[in-house]
Full PDB file with SEQRES, HELIX, SHEET, SSBOND, CRYST1, ORIGX, SCALE, CONECT and MASTER records, all heavy atoms in Angstrom:
SEQRES   1 A   45  HIS ALA VAL LEU HIS ILE PRO LEU PRO VAL GLY TYR LEU          
SEQRES   2 A   45  LEU THR THR LEU ILE VAL ILE PRO ILE VAL PHE LYS GLY          
SEQRES   3 A   45  MET SER TRP ILE ALA ARG VAL GLN ALA TRP THR GLN PRO          
SEQRES   4 A   45  ILE TRP ILE LEU GLY LEU                                      
HELIX    1 AA1 LEU A    8  PHE A   24  1                                  17    
HELIX    2 AA2 MET A   27  GLY A   44  1                                  18    
CRYST1    1.000    1.000    1.000  90.00  90.00  90.00 P 1           1          
ORIGX1      1.000000  0.000000  0.000000        0.00000                         
ORIGX2      0.000000  1.000000  0.000000        0.00000                         
ORIGX3      0.000000  0.000000  1.000000        0.00000                         
SCALE1      1.000000  0.000000  0.000000        0.00000                         
SCALE2      0.000000  1.000000  0.000000        0.00000                         
SCALE3      0.000000  0.000000  1.000000        0.00000                         
ATOM      1  N   HIS A   1      58.938  94.585 160.700  1.00  0.00           N  
ATOM      2  CA  HIS A   1      58.335  93.542 159.875  1.00  0.00           C  
ATOM      3  C   HIS A   1      56.842  93.349 160.226  1.00  0.00           C  
ATOM      4  O   HIS A   1      55.991  93.264 159.363  1.00  0.00           O  
ATOM      5  CB  HIS A   1      59.059  92.221 160.045  1.00  0.00           C  
ATOM      6  CG  HIS A   1      58.477  91.113 159.264  1.00  0.00           C  
ATOM      7  ND1 HIS A   1      58.526  91.056 157.856  1.00  0.00           N  
ATOM      8  CD2 HIS A   1      57.786  90.009 159.640  1.00  0.00           C  
ATOM      9  CE1 HIS A   1      57.919  89.954 157.453  1.00  0.00           C  
ATOM     10  NE2 HIS A   1      57.449  89.274 158.515  1.00  0.00           N  
ATOM     11  N   ALA A   2      56.571  93.403 161.568  1.00  0.00           N  
ATOM     12  CA  ALA A   2      55.176  93.148 162.002  1.00  0.00           C  
ATOM     13  C   ALA A   2      54.293  94.349 161.686  1.00  0.00           C  
ATOM     14  O   ALA A   2      53.116  94.205 161.307  1.00  0.00           O  
ATOM     15  CB  ALA A   2      55.182  92.903 163.488  1.00  0.00           C  
ATOM     16  N   VAL A   3      54.818  95.568 161.829  1.00  0.00           N  
ATOM     17  CA  VAL A   3      54.000  96.784 161.637  1.00  0.00           C  
ATOM     18  C   VAL A   3      53.962  97.295 160.215  1.00  0.00           C  
ATOM     19  O   VAL A   3      52.928  97.595 159.659  1.00  0.00           O  
ATOM     20  CB  VAL A   3      54.483  97.896 162.571  1.00  0.00           C  
ATOM     21  CG1 VAL A   3      53.626  99.189 162.395  1.00  0.00           C  
ATOM     22  CG2 VAL A   3      54.409  97.459 164.041  1.00  0.00           C  
ATOM     23  N   LEU A   4      55.122  97.301 159.559  1.00  0.00           N  
ATOM     24  CA  LEU A   4      55.260  97.928 158.213  1.00  0.00           C  
ATOM     25  C   LEU A   4      55.504  96.840 157.153  1.00  0.00           C  
ATOM     26  O   LEU A   4      55.635  97.234 155.986  1.00  0.00           O  
ATOM     27  CB  LEU A   4      56.399  98.919 158.263  1.00  0.00           C  
ATOM     28  CG  LEU A   4      56.248 100.081 159.216  1.00  0.00           C  
ATOM     29  CD1 LEU A   4      57.470 100.981 159.222  1.00  0.00           C  
ATOM     30  CD2 LEU A   4      54.985 100.888 158.952  1.00  0.00           C  
ATOM     31  N   HIS A   5      55.604  95.600 157.512  1.00  0.00           N  
ATOM     32  CA  HIS A   5      55.904  94.482 156.579  1.00  0.00           C  
ATOM     33  C   HIS A   5      57.212  94.648 155.843  1.00  0.00           C  
ATOM     34  O   HIS A   5      57.380  94.252 154.662  1.00  0.00           O  
ATOM     35  CB  HIS A   5      54.711  94.314 155.594  1.00  0.00           C  
ATOM     36  CG  HIS A   5      53.374  94.219 156.231  1.00  0.00           C  
ATOM     37  ND1 HIS A   5      53.018  93.090 156.973  1.00  0.00           N  
ATOM     38  CD2 HIS A   5      52.345  95.066 156.282  1.00  0.00           C  
ATOM     39  CE1 HIS A   5      51.820  93.264 157.451  1.00  0.00           C  
ATOM     40  NE2 HIS A   5      51.338  94.414 157.052  1.00  0.00           N  
ATOM     41  N   ILE A   6      58.144  95.285 156.497  1.00  0.00           N  
ATOM     42  CA  ILE A   6      59.513  95.431 155.919  1.00  0.00           C  
ATOM     43  C   ILE A   6      60.231  94.110 156.059  1.00  0.00           C  
ATOM     44  O   ILE A   6      60.281  93.546 157.155  1.00  0.00           O  
ATOM     45  CB  ILE A   6      60.282  96.572 156.629  1.00  0.00           C  
ATOM     46  CG1 ILE A   6      59.553  97.906 156.398  1.00  0.00           C  
ATOM     47  CG2 ILE A   6      61.690  96.611 156.148  1.00  0.00           C  
ATOM     48  CD1 ILE A   6      60.208  99.075 157.147  1.00  0.00           C  
ATOM     49  N   PRO A   7      60.843  93.608 155.015  1.00  0.00           N  
ATOM     50  CA  PRO A   7      61.560  92.325 155.142  1.00  0.00           C  
ATOM     51  C   PRO A   7      62.685  92.453 156.202  1.00  0.00           C  
ATOM     52  O   PRO A   7      63.288  93.511 156.361  1.00  0.00           O  
ATOM     53  CB  PRO A   7      62.186  92.146 153.715  1.00  0.00           C  
ATOM     54  CG  PRO A   7      61.343  92.933 152.845  1.00  0.00           C  
ATOM     55  CD  PRO A   7      60.845  94.107 153.642  1.00  0.00           C  
ATOM     56  N   LEU A   8      62.928  91.342 156.920  1.00  0.00           N  
ATOM     57  CA  LEU A   8      63.873  91.419 157.991  1.00  0.00           C  
ATOM     58  C   LEU A   8      65.276  91.859 157.577  1.00  0.00           C  
ATOM     59  O   LEU A   8      65.862  92.705 158.302  1.00  0.00           O  
ATOM     60  CB  LEU A   8      63.945  90.017 158.697  1.00  0.00           C  
ATOM     61  CG  LEU A   8      62.731  89.622 159.570  1.00  0.00           C  
ATOM     62  CD1 LEU A   8      62.946  88.241 160.102  1.00  0.00           C  
ATOM     63  CD2 LEU A   8      62.634  90.631 160.732  1.00  0.00           C  
ATOM     64  N   PRO A   9      65.789  91.385 156.485  1.00  0.00           N  
ATOM     65  CA  PRO A   9      67.146  91.881 156.101  1.00  0.00           C  
ATOM     66  C   PRO A   9      67.198  93.361 155.904  1.00  0.00           C  
ATOM     67  O   PRO A   9      68.173  94.044 156.305  1.00  0.00           O  
ATOM     68  CB  PRO A   9      67.441  91.153 154.779  1.00  0.00           C  
ATOM     69  CG  PRO A   9      66.605  89.896 154.834  1.00  0.00           C  
ATOM     70  CD  PRO A   9      65.360  90.307 155.544  1.00  0.00           C  
ATOM     71  N   VAL A  10      66.146  93.959 155.324  1.00  0.00           N  
ATOM     72  CA  VAL A  10      66.084  95.403 155.161  1.00  0.00           C  
ATOM     73  C   VAL A  10      65.940  96.071 156.536  1.00  0.00           C  
ATOM     74  O   VAL A  10      66.533  97.123 156.847  1.00  0.00           O  
ATOM     75  CB  VAL A  10      64.958  95.798 154.230  1.00  0.00           C  
ATOM     76  CG1 VAL A  10      64.870  97.338 154.109  1.00  0.00           C  
ATOM     77  CG2 VAL A  10      65.146  95.181 152.851  1.00  0.00           C  
ATOM     78  N   GLY A  11      65.118  95.452 157.369  1.00  0.00           N  
ATOM     79  CA  GLY A  11      64.907  96.004 158.705  1.00  0.00           C  
ATOM     80  C   GLY A  11      66.203  95.997 159.548  1.00  0.00           C  
ATOM     81  O   GLY A  11      66.444  96.955 160.315  1.00  0.00           O  
ATOM     82  N   TYR A  12      67.050  95.009 159.350  1.00  0.00           N  
ATOM     83  CA  TYR A  12      68.340  94.969 160.040  1.00  0.00           C  
ATOM     84  C   TYR A  12      69.148  96.194 159.652  1.00  0.00           C  
ATOM     85  O   TYR A  12      69.787  96.827 160.522  1.00  0.00           O  
ATOM     86  CB  TYR A  12      69.085  93.696 159.728  1.00  0.00           C  
ATOM     87  CG  TYR A  12      68.416  92.433 160.178  1.00  0.00           C  
ATOM     88  CD1 TYR A  12      68.568  91.260 159.485  1.00  0.00           C  
ATOM     89  CD2 TYR A  12      67.668  92.415 161.354  1.00  0.00           C  
ATOM     90  CE1 TYR A  12      67.968  90.047 159.877  1.00  0.00           C  
ATOM     91  CE2 TYR A  12      67.053  91.191 161.748  1.00  0.00           C  
ATOM     92  CZ  TYR A  12      67.230  90.053 161.009  1.00  0.00           C  
ATOM     93  OH  TYR A  12      66.646  88.878 161.440  1.00  0.00           O  
ATOM     94  N   LEU A  13      69.166  96.496 158.364  1.00  0.00           N  
ATOM     95  CA  LEU A  13      69.955  97.661 157.899  1.00  0.00           C  
ATOM     96  C   LEU A  13      69.392  98.964 158.459  1.00  0.00           C  
ATOM     97  O   LEU A  13      70.142  99.827 158.897  1.00  0.00           O  
ATOM     98  CB  LEU A  13      69.912  97.686 156.338  1.00  0.00           C  
ATOM     99  CG  LEU A  13      70.671  98.883 155.695  1.00  0.00           C  
ATOM    100  CD1 LEU A  13      72.144  98.809 156.077  1.00  0.00           C  
ATOM    101  CD2 LEU A  13      70.503  98.832 154.205  1.00  0.00           C  
ATOM    102  N   LEU A  14      68.052  99.091 158.475  1.00  0.00           N  
ATOM    103  CA  LEU A  14      67.455 100.302 158.999  1.00  0.00           C  
ATOM    104  C   LEU A  14      67.754 100.515 160.484  1.00  0.00           C  
ATOM    105  O   LEU A  14      68.043 101.612 160.900  1.00  0.00           O  
ATOM    106  CB  LEU A  14      65.915 100.260 158.802  1.00  0.00           C  
ATOM    107  CG  LEU A  14      65.417 100.400 157.333  1.00  0.00           C  
ATOM    108  CD1 LEU A  14      63.916 100.273 157.282  1.00  0.00           C  
ATOM    109  CD2 LEU A  14      65.857 101.731 156.727  1.00  0.00           C  
ATOM    110  N   THR A  15      67.687  99.429 161.234  1.00  0.00           N  
ATOM    111  CA  THR A  15      67.939  99.561 162.657  1.00  0.00           C  
ATOM    112  C   THR A  15      69.409 100.001 162.921  1.00  0.00           C  
ATOM    113  O   THR A  15      69.669 100.661 163.933  1.00  0.00           O  
ATOM    114  CB  THR A  15      67.694  98.219 163.419  1.00  0.00           C  
ATOM    115  OG1 THR A  15      68.584  97.227 162.874  1.00  0.00           O  
ATOM    116  CG2 THR A  15      66.295  97.731 163.184  1.00  0.00           C  
ATOM    117  N   THR A  16      70.261  99.642 162.042  1.00  0.00           N  
ATOM    118  CA  THR A  16      71.680 100.032 162.166  1.00  0.00           C  
ATOM    119  C   THR A  16      71.891 101.499 161.831  1.00  0.00           C  
ATOM    120  O   THR A  16      72.589 102.221 162.527  1.00  0.00           O  
ATOM    121  CB  THR A  16      72.580  99.124 161.294  1.00  0.00           C  
ATOM    122  OG1 THR A  16      72.337  97.783 161.613  1.00  0.00           O  
ATOM    123  CG2 THR A  16      74.015  99.477 161.472  1.00  0.00           C  
ATOM    124  N   LEU A  17      71.248 101.906 160.736  1.00  0.00           N  
ATOM    125  CA  LEU A  17      71.489 103.290 160.267  1.00  0.00           C  
ATOM    126  C   LEU A  17      70.852 104.298 161.157  1.00  0.00           C  
ATOM    127  O   LEU A  17      71.334 105.460 161.273  1.00  0.00           O  
ATOM    128  CB  LEU A  17      70.935 103.423 158.803  1.00  0.00           C  
ATOM    129  CG  LEU A  17      71.605 102.572 157.753  1.00  0.00           C  
ATOM    130  CD1 LEU A  17      70.918 102.765 156.418  1.00  0.00           C  
ATOM    131  CD2 LEU A  17      73.075 102.942 157.636  1.00  0.00           C  
ATOM    132  N   ILE A  18      69.741 103.982 161.831  1.00  0.00           N  
ATOM    133  CA  ILE A  18      69.012 104.945 162.649  1.00  0.00           C  
ATOM    134  C   ILE A  18      69.861 105.545 163.739  1.00  0.00           C  
ATOM    135  O   ILE A  18      69.805 106.726 164.022  1.00  0.00           O  
ATOM    136  CB  ILE A  18      67.734 104.283 163.229  1.00  0.00           C  
ATOM    137  CG1 ILE A  18      66.702 104.094 162.149  1.00  0.00           C  
ATOM    138  CG2 ILE A  18      67.168 105.110 164.347  1.00  0.00           C  
ATOM    139  CD1 ILE A  18      65.451 103.318 162.544  1.00  0.00           C  
ATOM    140  N   VAL A  19      70.684 104.690 164.373  1.00  0.00           N  
ATOM    141  CA  VAL A  19      71.405 105.168 165.586  1.00  0.00           C  
ATOM    142  C   VAL A  19      72.694 105.896 165.303  1.00  0.00           C  
ATOM    143  O   VAL A  19      73.220 106.616 166.153  1.00  0.00           O  
ATOM    144  CB  VAL A  19      71.693 103.993 166.551  1.00  0.00           C  
ATOM    145  CG1 VAL A  19      70.424 103.312 166.934  1.00  0.00           C  
ATOM    146  CG2 VAL A  19      72.680 102.986 165.927  1.00  0.00           C  
ATOM    147  N   ILE A  20      73.246 105.751 164.075  1.00  0.00           N  
ATOM    148  CA  ILE A  20      74.546 106.299 163.811  1.00  0.00           C  
ATOM    149  C   ILE A  20      74.626 107.822 163.989  1.00  0.00           C  
ATOM    150  O   ILE A  20      75.541 108.363 164.612  1.00  0.00           O  
ATOM    151  CB  ILE A  20      75.042 105.895 162.371  1.00  0.00           C  
ATOM    152  CG1 ILE A  20      75.340 104.419 162.387  1.00  0.00           C  
ATOM    153  CG2 ILE A  20      76.272 106.696 161.998  1.00  0.00           C  
ATOM    154  CD1 ILE A  20      75.767 103.857 161.044  1.00  0.00           C  
ATOM    155  N   PRO A  21      73.633 108.589 163.452  1.00  0.00           N  
ATOM    156  CA  PRO A  21      73.688 110.057 163.672  1.00  0.00           C  
ATOM    157  C   PRO A  21      73.630 110.502 165.110  1.00  0.00           C  
ATOM    158  O   PRO A  21      74.272 111.474 165.493  1.00  0.00           O  
ATOM    159  CB  PRO A  21      72.460 110.587 162.904  1.00  0.00           C  
ATOM    160  CG  PRO A  21      72.154 109.502 161.911  1.00  0.00           C  
ATOM    161  CD  PRO A  21      72.490 108.230 162.629  1.00  0.00           C  
ATOM    162  N   ILE A  22      72.938 109.720 165.931  1.00  0.00           N  
ATOM    163  CA  ILE A  22      72.803 110.023 167.368  1.00  0.00           C  
ATOM    164  C   ILE A  22      74.168 109.835 168.067  1.00  0.00           C  
ATOM    165  O   ILE A  22      74.632 110.686 168.834  1.00  0.00           O  
ATOM    166  CB  ILE A  22      71.727 109.195 168.028  1.00  0.00           C  
ATOM    167  CG1 ILE A  22      70.365 109.433 167.346  1.00  0.00           C  
ATOM    168  CG2 ILE A  22      71.617 109.455 169.520  1.00  0.00           C  
ATOM    169  CD1 ILE A  22      69.305 108.426 167.819  1.00  0.00           C  
ATOM    170  N   VAL A  23      74.769 108.695 167.764  1.00  0.00           N  
ATOM    171  CA  VAL A  23      76.018 108.355 168.439  1.00  0.00           C  
ATOM    172  C   VAL A  23      77.200 109.150 167.970  1.00  0.00           C  
ATOM    173  O   VAL A  23      78.168 109.358 168.676  1.00  0.00           O  
ATOM    174  CB  VAL A  23      76.291 106.820 168.249  1.00  0.00           C  
ATOM    175  CG1 VAL A  23      77.524 106.368 168.969  1.00  0.00           C  
ATOM    176  CG2 VAL A  23      75.086 106.009 168.659  1.00  0.00           C  
ATOM    177  N   PHE A  24      77.065 109.712 166.758  1.00  0.00           N  
ATOM    178  CA  PHE A  24      78.173 110.477 166.154  1.00  0.00           C  
ATOM    179  C   PHE A  24      78.548 111.617 167.080  1.00  0.00           C  
ATOM    180  O   PHE A  24      79.758 111.925 167.231  1.00  0.00           O  
ATOM    181  CB  PHE A  24      77.694 110.975 164.810  1.00  0.00           C  
ATOM    182  CG  PHE A  24      78.806 111.524 163.940  1.00  0.00           C  
ATOM    183  CD1 PHE A  24      79.541 110.652 163.128  1.00  0.00           C  
ATOM    184  CD2 PHE A  24      79.162 112.863 163.980  1.00  0.00           C  
ATOM    185  CE1 PHE A  24      80.586 111.168 162.337  1.00  0.00           C  
ATOM    186  CE2 PHE A  24      80.155 113.370 163.193  1.00  0.00           C  
ATOM    187  CZ  PHE A  24      80.897 112.542 162.386  1.00  0.00           C  
ATOM    188  N   LYS A  25      77.589 112.278 167.684  1.00  0.00           N  
ATOM    189  CA  LYS A  25      77.862 113.450 168.515  1.00  0.00           C  
ATOM    190  C   LYS A  25      78.115 113.129 169.958  1.00  0.00           C  
ATOM    191  O   LYS A  25      78.352 114.032 170.806  1.00  0.00           O  
ATOM    192  CB  LYS A  25      76.687 114.429 168.449  1.00  0.00           C  
ATOM    193  CG  LYS A  25      76.561 115.143 167.108  1.00  0.00           C  
ATOM    194  CD  LYS A  25      77.757 116.021 166.743  1.00  0.00           C  
ATOM    195  CE  LYS A  25      77.700 117.280 167.603  1.00  0.00           C  
ATOM    196  NZ  LYS A  25      78.785 118.209 167.254  1.00  0.00           N  
ATOM    197  N   GLY A  26      78.086 111.821 170.306  1.00  0.00           N  
ATOM    198  CA  GLY A  26      78.520 111.448 171.643  1.00  0.00           C  
ATOM    199  C   GLY A  26      77.548 111.755 172.775  1.00  0.00           C  
ATOM    200  O   GLY A  26      76.326 111.827 172.587  1.00  0.00           O  
ATOM    201  N   MET A  27      78.111 112.013 173.955  1.00  0.00           N  
ATOM    202  CA  MET A  27      77.323 112.101 175.159  1.00  0.00           C  
ATOM    203  C   MET A  27      76.248 113.229 175.072  1.00  0.00           C  
ATOM    204  O   MET A  27      75.153 113.108 175.583  1.00  0.00           O  
ATOM    205  CB  MET A  27      78.265 112.430 176.339  1.00  0.00           C  
ATOM    206  CG  MET A  27      77.593 112.755 177.648  1.00  0.00           C  
ATOM    207  SD  MET A  27      76.842 111.277 178.388  1.00  0.00           S  
ATOM    208  CE  MET A  27      76.381 112.002 180.032  1.00  0.00           C  
ATOM    209  N   SER A  28      76.593 114.347 174.420  1.00  0.00           N  
ATOM    210  CA  SER A  28      75.655 115.485 174.408  1.00  0.00           C  
ATOM    211  C   SER A  28      74.331 115.134 173.682  1.00  0.00           C  
ATOM    212  O   SER A  28      73.252 115.406 174.219  1.00  0.00           O  
ATOM    213  CB  SER A  28      76.312 116.687 173.734  1.00  0.00           C  
ATOM    214  OG  SER A  28      76.718 116.354 172.424  1.00  0.00           O  
ATOM    215  N   TRP A  29      74.429 114.442 172.546  1.00  0.00           N  
ATOM    216  CA  TRP A  29      73.221 114.095 171.814  1.00  0.00           C  
ATOM    217  C   TRP A  29      72.521 112.899 172.454  1.00  0.00           C  
ATOM    218  O   TRP A  29      71.290 112.859 172.484  1.00  0.00           O  
ATOM    219  CB  TRP A  29      73.535 113.810 170.384  1.00  0.00           C  
ATOM    220  CG  TRP A  29      73.679 115.013 169.512  1.00  0.00           C  
ATOM    221  CD1 TRP A  29      74.088 116.265 169.921  1.00  0.00           C  
ATOM    222  CD2 TRP A  29      73.355 115.151 168.145  1.00  0.00           C  
ATOM    223  NE1 TRP A  29      74.126 117.123 168.881  1.00  0.00           N  
ATOM    224  CE2 TRP A  29      73.664 116.517 167.781  1.00  0.00           C  
ATOM    225  CE3 TRP A  29      72.940 114.296 167.179  1.00  0.00           C  
ATOM    226  CZ2 TRP A  29      73.487 116.987 166.502  1.00  0.00           C  
ATOM    227  CZ3 TRP A  29      72.771 114.764 165.863  1.00  0.00           C  
ATOM    228  CH2 TRP A  29      73.051 116.098 165.530  1.00  0.00           C  
ATOM    229  N   ILE A  30      73.315 111.951 172.947  1.00  0.00           N  
ATOM    230  CA  ILE A  30      72.694 110.772 173.540  1.00  0.00           C  
ATOM    231  C   ILE A  30      71.909 111.177 174.778  1.00  0.00           C  
ATOM    232  O   ILE A  30      70.788 110.686 175.023  1.00  0.00           O  
ATOM    233  CB  ILE A  30      73.740 109.739 173.972  1.00  0.00           C  
ATOM    234  CG1 ILE A  30      74.415 109.167 172.667  1.00  0.00           C  
ATOM    235  CG2 ILE A  30      73.143 108.591 174.737  1.00  0.00           C  
ATOM    236  CD1 ILE A  30      75.621 108.237 172.945  1.00  0.00           C  
ATOM    237  N   ALA A  31      72.436 112.137 175.576  1.00  0.00           N  
ATOM    238  CA  ALA A  31      71.727 112.619 176.743  1.00  0.00           C  
ATOM    239  C   ALA A  31      70.356 113.190 176.391  1.00  0.00           C  
ATOM    240  O   ALA A  31      69.355 113.024 177.048  1.00  0.00           O  
ATOM    241  CB  ALA A  31      72.571 113.638 177.506  1.00  0.00           C  
ATOM    242  N   ARG A  32      70.368 113.953 175.274  1.00  0.00           N  
ATOM    243  CA  ARG A  32      69.090 114.570 174.861  1.00  0.00           C  
ATOM    244  C   ARG A  32      68.093 113.506 174.385  1.00  0.00           C  
ATOM    245  O   ARG A  32      66.906 113.576 174.772  1.00  0.00           O  
ATOM    246  CB  ARG A  32      69.349 115.538 173.730  1.00  0.00           C  
ATOM    247  CG  ARG A  32      70.159 116.764 174.132  1.00  0.00           C  
ATOM    248  CD  ARG A  32      70.530 117.567 172.922  1.00  0.00           C  
ATOM    249  NE  ARG A  32      71.505 118.616 173.228  1.00  0.00           N  
ATOM    250  CZ  ARG A  32      72.208 119.289 172.376  1.00  0.00           C  
ATOM    251  NH1 ARG A  32      71.997 119.082 171.055  1.00  0.00           N  
ATOM    252  NH2 ARG A  32      73.082 120.226 172.740  1.00  0.00           N  
ATOM    253  N   VAL A  33      68.539 112.584 173.609  1.00  0.00           N  
ATOM    254  CA  VAL A  33      67.637 111.533 173.140  1.00  0.00           C  
ATOM    255  C   VAL A  33      67.083 110.719 174.299  1.00  0.00           C  
ATOM    256  O   VAL A  33      65.879 110.435 174.337  1.00  0.00           O  
ATOM    257  CB  VAL A  33      68.387 110.574 172.142  1.00  0.00           C  
ATOM    258  CG1 VAL A  33      67.556 109.369 171.803  1.00  0.00           C  
ATOM    259  CG2 VAL A  33      68.703 111.344 170.858  1.00  0.00           C  
ATOM    260  N   GLN A  34      67.907 110.366 175.221  1.00  0.00           N  
ATOM    261  CA  GLN A  34      67.448 109.608 176.404  1.00  0.00           C  
ATOM    262  C   GLN A  34      66.383 110.400 177.209  1.00  0.00           C  
ATOM    263  O   GLN A  34      65.387 109.850 177.642  1.00  0.00           O  
ATOM    264  CB  GLN A  34      68.625 109.233 177.328  1.00  0.00           C  
ATOM    265  CG  GLN A  34      69.705 108.390 176.689  1.00  0.00           C  
ATOM    266  CD  GLN A  34      69.257 106.970 176.336  1.00  0.00           C  
ATOM    267  OE1 GLN A  34      68.067 106.647 176.341  1.00  0.00           O  
ATOM    268  NE2 GLN A  34      70.205 106.121 175.958  1.00  0.00           N  
ATOM    269  N   ALA A  35      66.632 111.684 177.349  1.00  0.00           N  
ATOM    270  CA  ALA A  35      65.674 112.503 178.127  1.00  0.00           C  
ATOM    271  C   ALA A  35      64.354 112.657 177.398  1.00  0.00           C  
ATOM    272  O   ALA A  35      63.290 112.565 177.981  1.00  0.00           O  
ATOM    273  CB  ALA A  35      66.275 113.900 178.406  1.00  0.00           C  
ATOM    274  N   TRP A  36      64.355 112.906 176.059  1.00  0.00           N  
ATOM    275  CA  TRP A  36      63.167 113.156 175.298  1.00  0.00           C  
ATOM    276  C   TRP A  36      62.311 111.871 175.174  1.00  0.00           C  
ATOM    277  O   TRP A  36      61.078 112.013 175.175  1.00  0.00           O  
ATOM    278  CB  TRP A  36      63.510 113.613 173.878  1.00  0.00           C  
ATOM    279  CG  TRP A  36      64.203 114.947 173.825  1.00  0.00           C  
ATOM    280  CD1 TRP A  36      64.156 115.931 174.811  1.00  0.00           C  
ATOM    281  CD2 TRP A  36      64.977 115.457 172.750  1.00  0.00           C  
ATOM    282  NE1 TRP A  36      64.877 117.015 174.426  1.00  0.00           N  
ATOM    283  CE2 TRP A  36      65.388 116.800 173.182  1.00  0.00           C  
ATOM    284  CE3 TRP A  36      65.374 115.019 171.525  1.00  0.00           C  
ATOM    285  CZ2 TRP A  36      66.228 117.560 172.373  1.00  0.00           C  
ATOM    286  CZ3 TRP A  36      66.165 115.809 170.719  1.00  0.00           C  
ATOM    287  CH2 TRP A  36      66.594 117.078 171.158  1.00  0.00           C  
ATOM    288  N   THR A  37      62.946 110.756 175.102  1.00  0.00           N  
ATOM    289  CA  THR A  37      62.160 109.486 174.939  1.00  0.00           C  
ATOM    290  C   THR A  37      61.759 108.820 176.231  1.00  0.00           C  
ATOM    291  O   THR A  37      60.999 107.864 176.190  1.00  0.00           O  
ATOM    292  CB  THR A  37      62.990 108.514 174.065  1.00  0.00           C  
ATOM    293  OG1 THR A  37      64.289 108.267 174.714  1.00  0.00           O  
ATOM    294  CG2 THR A  37      63.230 109.003 172.685  1.00  0.00           C  
ATOM    295  N   GLN A  38      62.265 109.314 177.314  1.00  0.00           N  
ATOM    296  CA  GLN A  38      62.008 108.599 178.620  1.00  0.00           C  
ATOM    297  C   GLN A  38      60.526 108.520 178.954  1.00  0.00           C  
ATOM    298  O   GLN A  38      60.023 107.449 179.377  1.00  0.00           O  
ATOM    299  CB  GLN A  38      62.790 109.294 179.728  1.00  0.00           C  
ATOM    300  CG  GLN A  38      63.034 108.418 180.950  1.00  0.00           C  
ATOM    301  CD  GLN A  38      64.145 107.420 180.723  1.00  0.00           C  
ATOM    302  OE1 GLN A  38      64.409 106.985 179.577  1.00  0.00           O  
ATOM    303  NE2 GLN A  38      64.815 106.988 181.765  1.00  0.00           N  
ATOM    304  N   PRO A  39      59.695 109.567 178.829  1.00  0.00           N  
ATOM    305  CA  PRO A  39      58.297 109.450 179.166  1.00  0.00           C  
ATOM    306  C   PRO A  39      57.566 108.411 178.336  1.00  0.00           C  
ATOM    307  O   PRO A  39      56.739 107.622 178.887  1.00  0.00           O  
ATOM    308  CB  PRO A  39      57.740 110.886 178.917  1.00  0.00           C  
ATOM    309  CG  PRO A  39      58.918 111.746 179.010  1.00  0.00           C  
ATOM    310  CD  PRO A  39      60.085 110.925 178.466  1.00  0.00           C  
ATOM    311  N   ILE A  40      57.842 108.375 177.043  1.00  0.00           N  
ATOM    312  CA  ILE A  40      57.164 107.350 176.164  1.00  0.00           C  
ATOM    313  C   ILE A  40      57.567 105.976 176.588  1.00  0.00           C  
ATOM    314  O   ILE A  40      56.746 105.043 176.670  1.00  0.00           O  
ATOM    315  CB  ILE A  40      57.580 107.618 174.663  1.00  0.00           C  
ATOM    316  CG1 ILE A  40      57.080 108.978 174.225  1.00  0.00           C  
ATOM    317  CG2 ILE A  40      57.018 106.491 173.804  1.00  0.00           C  
ATOM    318  CD1 ILE A  40      57.524 109.355 172.814  1.00  0.00           C  
ATOM    319  N   TRP A  41      58.867 105.827 176.899  1.00  0.00           N  
ATOM    320  CA  TRP A  41      59.342 104.459 177.279  1.00  0.00           C  
ATOM    321  C   TRP A  41      58.739 104.015 178.583  1.00  0.00           C  
ATOM    322  O   TRP A  41      58.310 102.859 178.703  1.00  0.00           O  
ATOM    323  CB  TRP A  41      60.874 104.474 177.392  1.00  0.00           C  
ATOM    324  CG  TRP A  41      61.408 103.138 177.757  1.00  0.00           C  
ATOM    325  CD1 TRP A  41      61.493 102.042 176.963  1.00  0.00           C  
ATOM    326  CD2 TRP A  41      61.886 102.751 179.045  1.00  0.00           C  
ATOM    327  NE1 TRP A  41      62.009 100.964 177.688  1.00  0.00           N  
ATOM    328  CE2 TRP A  41      62.286 101.372 178.963  1.00  0.00           C  
ATOM    329  CE3 TRP A  41      62.073 103.388 180.251  1.00  0.00           C  
ATOM    330  CZ2 TRP A  41      62.803 100.685 180.049  1.00  0.00           C  
ATOM    331  CZ3 TRP A  41      62.592 102.742 181.341  1.00  0.00           C  
ATOM    332  CH2 TRP A  41      62.952 101.373 181.218  1.00  0.00           C  
ATOM    333  N   ILE A  42      58.668 104.867 179.589  1.00  0.00           N  
ATOM    334  CA  ILE A  42      58.062 104.472 180.864  1.00  0.00           C  
ATOM    335  C   ILE A  42      56.628 104.109 180.703  1.00  0.00           C  
ATOM    336  O   ILE A  42      56.164 103.086 181.274  1.00  0.00           O  
ATOM    337  CB  ILE A  42      58.279 105.628 181.868  1.00  0.00           C  
ATOM    338  CG1 ILE A  42      59.778 105.810 182.216  1.00  0.00           C  
ATOM    339  CG2 ILE A  42      57.501 105.350 183.198  1.00  0.00           C  
ATOM    340  CD1 ILE A  42      60.043 106.994 183.111  1.00  0.00           C  
ATOM    341  N   LEU A  43      55.866 104.911 179.964  1.00  0.00           N  
ATOM    342  CA  LEU A  43      54.474 104.562 179.695  1.00  0.00           C  
ATOM    343  C   LEU A  43      54.333 103.258 179.012  1.00  0.00           C  
ATOM    344  O   LEU A  43      53.460 102.414 179.423  1.00  0.00           O  
ATOM    345  CB  LEU A  43      53.799 105.704 178.919  1.00  0.00           C  
ATOM    346  CG  LEU A  43      52.321 105.490 178.553  1.00  0.00           C  
ATOM    347  CD1 LEU A  43      51.454 105.422 179.808  1.00  0.00           C  
ATOM    348  CD2 LEU A  43      51.825 106.617 177.639  1.00  0.00           C  
ATOM    349  N   GLY A  44      55.108 103.064 177.990  1.00  0.00           N  
ATOM    350  CA  GLY A  44      55.055 101.776 177.279  1.00  0.00           C  
ATOM    351  C   GLY A  44      55.475 100.565 178.099  1.00  0.00           C  
ATOM    352  O   GLY A  44      54.943  99.491 177.915  1.00  0.00           O  
ATOM    353  N   LEU A  45      56.423 100.783 179.005  1.00  0.00           N  
ATOM    354  CA  LEU A  45      56.892  99.708 179.857  1.00  0.00           C  
ATOM    355  C   LEU A  45      55.821  99.228 180.802  1.00  0.00           C  
ATOM    356  O   LEU A  45      55.636  98.009 180.992  1.00  0.00           O  
ATOM    357  CB  LEU A  45      58.115 100.167 180.651  1.00  0.00           C  
ATOM    358  CG  LEU A  45      58.768  99.180 181.575  1.00  0.00           C  
ATOM    359  CD1 LEU A  45      59.466  98.049 180.769  1.00  0.00           C  
ATOM    360  CD2 LEU A  45      59.810  99.871 182.466  1.00  0.00           C  
TER     361      LEU A  45                                                      
MASTER        0    0    0    2    0    0    0    6  360    1    0    4          
END                                                                             
């Protein structure tokens, strides 16, 4: 909402749909996503 001015109800739906493909494949895909995003997250933290 703050960055793209997407209404909150629509944003709630988007946040839900984004993670489903990742979780679908279980530990193997989640491990990759966690590893790829870790540098960005540490810098941002």
